[in-house]
C-alpha atoms as a PDB file:
ATOM      1  CA  MET A   1      -9.612   8.257 -19.958  1.00  0.00           C
ATOM      2  CA  SER A   2      -7.894   8.698 -16.626  1.00  0.00           C
ATOM      3  CA  ASP A   3      -6.030   6.102 -14.593  1.00  0.00           C
ATOM      4  CA  LEU A   4      -8.066   4.115 -12.075  1.00  0.00           C
ATOM      5  CA  LEU A   5      -8.247   4.177  -8.281  1.00  0.00           C
ATOM      6  CA  LEU A   6      -9.693   0.960  -6.880  1.00  0.00           C
ATOM      7  CA  ASP A   7     -12.120   1.402  -4.001  1.00  0.00           C
ATOM      8  CA  THR A   8     -11.586  -1.100  -1.182  1.00  0.00           C
ATOM      9  CA  CYS A   9     -14.434  -3.308  -2.414  1.00  0.00           C
ATOM     10  CA  ALA A  10     -12.858  -3.394  -5.888  1.00  0.00           C
ATOM     11  CA  VAL A  11      -9.482  -4.372  -4.380  1.00  0.00           C
ATOM     12  CA  LEU A  12     -11.124  -7.291  -2.566  1.00  0.00           C
ATOM     13  CA  TRP A  13     -13.188  -8.438  -5.550  1.00  0.00           C
ATOM     14  CA  LEU A  14     -10.289  -8.184  -7.982  1.00  0.00           C
ATOM     15  CA  ALA A  15      -7.973 -10.066  -5.609  1.00  0.00           C
ATOM     16  CA  GLN A  16     -10.593 -12.793  -5.122  1.00  0.00           C
ATOM     17  CA  GLY A  17     -11.494 -13.040  -8.807  1.00  0.00           C
ATOM     18  CA  ALA A  18     -15.088 -12.010  -8.101  1.00  0.00           C
ATOM     19  CA  GLU A  19     -17.408 -11.074 -10.918  1.00  0.00           C
ATOM     20  CA  MET A  20     -17.207  -7.479 -12.075  1.00  0.00           C
ATOM     21  CA  THR A  21     -18.858  -5.668 -14.960  1.00  0.00           C
ATOM     22  CA  PRO A  22     -17.331  -6.211 -18.410  1.00  0.00           C
ATOM     23  CA  ALA A  23     -16.625  -2.460 -18.690  1.00  0.00           C
ATOM     24  CA  SER A  24     -14.740  -2.390 -15.400  1.00  0.00           C
ATOM     25  CA  ARG A  25     -12.784  -5.573 -16.244  1.00  0.00           C
ATOM     26  CA  SER A  26     -11.774  -4.080 -19.594  1.00  0.00           C
ATOM     27  CA  ALA A  27     -10.733  -0.776 -18.019  1.00  0.00           C
ATOM     28  CA  ILE A  28      -8.779  -2.540 -15.251  1.00  0.00           C
ATOM     29  CA  ALA A  29      -6.945  -4.635 -17.837  1.00  0.00           C
ATOM     30  CA  SER A  30      -5.985  -1.651 -19.967  1.00  0.00           C
ATOM     31  CA  ARG A  31      -5.292   1.258 -17.610  1.00  0.00           C
ATOM     32  CA  PRO A  32      -2.842   1.927 -14.781  1.00  0.00           C
ATOM     33  CA  LEU A  33      -4.218   1.109 -11.338  1.00  0.00           C
ATOM     34  CA  SER A  34      -3.819   2.815  -7.977  1.00  0.00           C
ATOM     35  CA  VAL A  35      -4.896   1.726  -4.506  1.00  0.00           C
ATOM     36  CA  SER A  36      -5.078   4.081  -1.539  1.00  0.00           C
ATOM     37  CA  PRO A  37      -3.320   2.998   1.654  1.00  0.00           C
ATOM     38  CA  ILE A  38      -6.634   3.681   3.437  1.00  0.00           C
ATOM     39  CA  SER A  39      -7.890   0.477   1.778  1.00  0.00           C
ATOM     40  CA  ALA A  40      -5.389  -1.510   3.882  1.00  0.00           C
ATOM     41  CA  TRP A  41      -6.893   0.114   6.983  1.00  0.00           C
ATOM     42  CA  GLU A  42     -10.429  -0.723   5.822  1.00  0.00           C
ATOM     43  CA  ILE A  43      -9.486  -4.345   5.096  1.00  0.00           C
ATOM     44  CA  ALA A  44      -7.788  -4.668   8.499  1.00  0.00           C
ATOM     45  CA  ASN A  45     -10.972  -3.402  10.134  1.00  0.00           C
ATOM     46  CA  LEU A  46     -13.083  -5.915   8.195  1.00  0.00           C
ATOM     47  CA  VAL A  47     -10.803  -8.704   9.450  1.00  0.00           C
ATOM     48  CA  ARG A  48     -10.910  -7.332  13.012  1.00  0.00           C
ATOM     49  CA  LYS A  49     -14.714  -7.298  12.942  1.00  0.00           C
ATOM     50  CA  GLY A  50     -14.845 -10.837  11.526  1.00  0.00           C
ATOM     51  CA  ARG A  51     -16.535  -9.703   8.299  1.00  0.00           C
ATOM     52  CA  ILE A  52     -13.780 -11.278   6.188  1.00  0.00           C
ATOM     53  CA  ALA A  53     -11.180 -13.933   6.999  1.00  0.00           C
ATOM     54  CA  ALA A  54      -7.456 -13.524   6.480  1.00  0.00           C
ATOM     55  CA  THR A  55      -4.939 -16.307   5.966  1.00  0.00           C
ATOM     56  CA  LEU A  56      -2.002 -13.864   6.192  1.00  0.00           C
ATOM     57  CA  PRO A  57      -1.342 -10.747   8.222  1.00  0.00           C
ATOM     58  CA  VAL A  58      -3.345  -8.004   6.486  1.00  0.00           C
ATOM     59  CA  ALA A  59      -0.260  -5.932   5.595  1.00  0.00           C
ATOM     60  CA  ASN A  60       1.319  -8.940   3.848  1.00  0.00           C
ATOM     61  CA  TRP A  61      -1.906  -9.785   2.023  1.00  0.00           C
ATOM     62  CA  PHE A  62      -2.386  -6.164   0.960  1.00  0.00           C
ATOM     63  CA  HIS A  63       1.146  -5.779  -0.414  1.00  0.00           C
ATOM     64  CA  GLN A  64       0.857  -9.094  -2.280  1.00  0.00           C
ATOM     65  CA  ALA A  65      -2.536  -8.164  -3.725  1.00  0.00           C
ATOM     66  CA  ILE A  66      -1.507  -4.756  -5.025  1.00  0.00           C
ATOM     67  CA  GLY A  67       1.741  -6.275  -6.317  1.00  0.00           C
ATOM     68  CA  LYS A  68      -0.208  -8.845  -8.365  1.00  0.00           C
ATOM     69  CA  MET A  69      -2.416  -6.027  -9.663  1.00  0.00           C
ATOM     70  CA  ALA A  70       0.687  -3.954 -10.510  1.00  0.00           C
ATOM     71  CA  ALA A  71      -1.032  -1.087  -8.727  1.00  0.00           C
ATOM     72  CA  ARG A  72       0.769   1.933  -7.401  1.00  0.00           C
ATOM     73  CA  MET A  73      -0.028   3.291  -3.974  1.00  0.00           C
ATOM     74  CA  PRO A  74      -0.289   7.091  -3.847  1.00  0.00           C
ATOM     75  CA  PRO A  75       0.740   8.572  -0.497  1.00  0.00           C
ATOM     76  CA  LEU A  76      -1.792   9.859   2.005  1.00  0.00           C
ATOM     77  CA  SER A  77      -0.629  13.442   1.695  1.00  0.00           C
ATOM     78  CA  VAL A  78      -1.631  16.382   3.847  1.00  0.00           C
ATOM     79  CA  GLU A  79      -3.545  17.719   0.824  1.00  0.00           C
ATOM     80  CA  ILE A  80      -5.553  14.501   0.482  1.00  0.00           C
ATOM     81  CA  LEU A  81      -6.279  14.149   4.177  1.00  0.00           C
ATOM     82  CA  THR A  82      -7.343  17.762   4.651  1.00  0.00           C
ATOM     83  CA  GLY A  83      -9.125  17.770   1.284  1.00  0.00           C
ATOM     84  CA  SER A  84     -11.251  14.853   2.455  1.00  0.00           C
ATOM     85  CA  CYS A  85     -12.729  17.222   5.065  1.00  0.00           C
ATOM     86  CA  SER A  86     -13.663  19.932   2.573  1.00  0.00           C
ATOM     87  CA  LEU A  87     -15.146  18.039  -0.370  1.00  0.00           C
ATOM     88  CA  PRO A  88     -17.788  19.974  -2.314  1.00  0.00           C
ATOM     89  CA  GLY A  89     -21.459  19.095  -2.309  1.00  0.00           C
ATOM     90  CA  SER A  90     -22.753  16.283  -0.117  1.00  0.00           C
ATOM     91  CA  PRO A  91     -20.018  13.639   0.004  1.00  0.00           C
ATOM     92  CA  PRO A  92     -20.356  10.325   1.844  1.00  0.00           C
ATOM     93  CA  GLU A  93     -19.832  10.531   5.616  1.00  0.00           C
ATOM     94  CA  ASP A  94     -17.521   7.506   5.803  1.00  0.00           C
ATOM     95  CA  PRO A  95     -13.970   8.839   6.385  1.00  0.00           C
ATOM     96  CA  ALA A  96     -12.332   6.162   4.209  1.00  0.00           C
ATOM     97  CA  ASP A  97     -14.703   6.908   1.316  1.00  0.00           C
ATOM     98  CA  ARG A  98     -13.903  10.602   1.681  1.00  0.00           C
ATOM     99  CA  ILE A  99     -10.165   9.879   1.594  1.00  0.00           C
ATOM    100  CA  ILE A 100     -10.565   7.712  -1.513  1.00  0.00           C
ATOM    101  CA  ILE A 101     -12.588  10.467  -3.193  1.00  0.00           C
ATOM    102  CA  ALA A 102     -10.040  13.117  -2.189  1.00  0.00           C
ATOM    103  CA  THR A 103      -7.242  10.918  -3.535  1.00  0.00           C
ATOM    104  CA  ALA A 104      -9.050  10.570  -6.865  1.00  0.00           C
ATOM    105  CA  ARG A 105      -9.632  14.312  -7.062  1.00  0.00           C
ATOM    106  CA  GLU A 106      -6.040  15.176  -6.108  1.00  0.00           C
ATOM    107  CA  ALA A 107      -4.449  12.699  -8.539  1.00  0.00           C
ATOM    108  CA  ASP A 108      -7.064  13.023 -11.334  1.00  0.00           C
ATOM    109  CA  LEU A 109      -8.146   9.369 -11.068  1.00  0.00           C
ATOM    110  CA  THR A 110     -11.419   7.527 -11.719  1.00  0.00           C
ATOM    111  CA  VAL A 111     -12.739   5.520  -8.739  1.00  0.00           C
ATOM    112  CA  VAL A 112     -13.741   1.922  -9.502  1.00  0.00           C
ATOM    113  CA  THR A 113     -16.507   1.046  -7.033  1.00  0.00           C
ATOM    114  CA  ARG A 114     -19.929  -0.427  -6.329  1.00  0.00           C
ATOM    115  CA  ASP A 115     -20.439   1.851  -3.344  1.00  0.00           C
ATOM    116  CA  ARG A 116     -23.800   3.552  -3.936  1.00  0.00           C
ATOM    117  CA  LYS A 117     -22.841   6.670  -1.966  1.00  0.00           C
ATOM    118  CA  ILE A 118     -19.675   7.211  -4.013  1.00  0.00           C
ATOM    119  CA  LEU A 119     -21.577   6.551  -7.257  1.00  0.00           C
ATOM    120  CA  ASP A 120     -24.277   9.030  -6.190  1.00  0.00           C
ATOM    121  CA  TYR A 121     -21.603  11.615  -5.354  1.00  0.00           C
ATOM    122  CA  SER A 122     -20.129  11.040  -8.816  1.00  0.00           C
ATOM    123  CA  ARG A 123     -23.496  11.693 -10.454  1.00  0.00           C
ATOM    124  CA  ALA A 124     -23.403  15.122  -8.789  1.00  0.00           C
ATOM    125  CA  GLY A 125     -20.202  15.747 -10.767  1.00  0.00           C
ATOM    126  CA  HIS A 126     -17.666  15.830  -7.939  1.00  0.00           C
ATOM    127  CA  VAL A 127     -15.577  12.752  -8.814  1.00  0.00           C
ATOM    128  CA  ARG A 128     -15.318  10.362 -11.753  1.00  0.00           C
ATOM    129  CA  THR A 129     -16.384   6.766 -11.154  1.00  0.00           C
ATOM    130  CA  LEU A 130     -16.647   3.473 -12.975  1.00  0.00           C
ATOM    131  CA  ALA A 131     -19.187   1.053 -11.556  1.00  0.00           C
ATOM    132  CA  CYS A 132     -17.841  -2.441 -11.092  1.00  0.00           C
END
């Protein structure tokens, strides 16, 4: 099985101790984790819009959270960013989702997510996912 790339929702749920599926919990506990820097941007936007509250500056919270998860943070390379614009099939329209998918494809990772559009895209065979 490949290493895991946490979607932004999975980063938030894991950091907050929210309930996740037993399969995803087991995989997260036993495989190396990665988190895309685009997740920091998404979380900052959620705070800006008032959809989630932050007790720390988002950058501090994000670095602490991925540190506790022992997750690595792959760079947003030119290949990932341009690849997000030329994904095969019918990928999600959300730019952050596309970047997460492109990161998973570039680094051969499995995306941990509950995002229906990413899971649907996975069923078409374009990226590996693990529902959480």
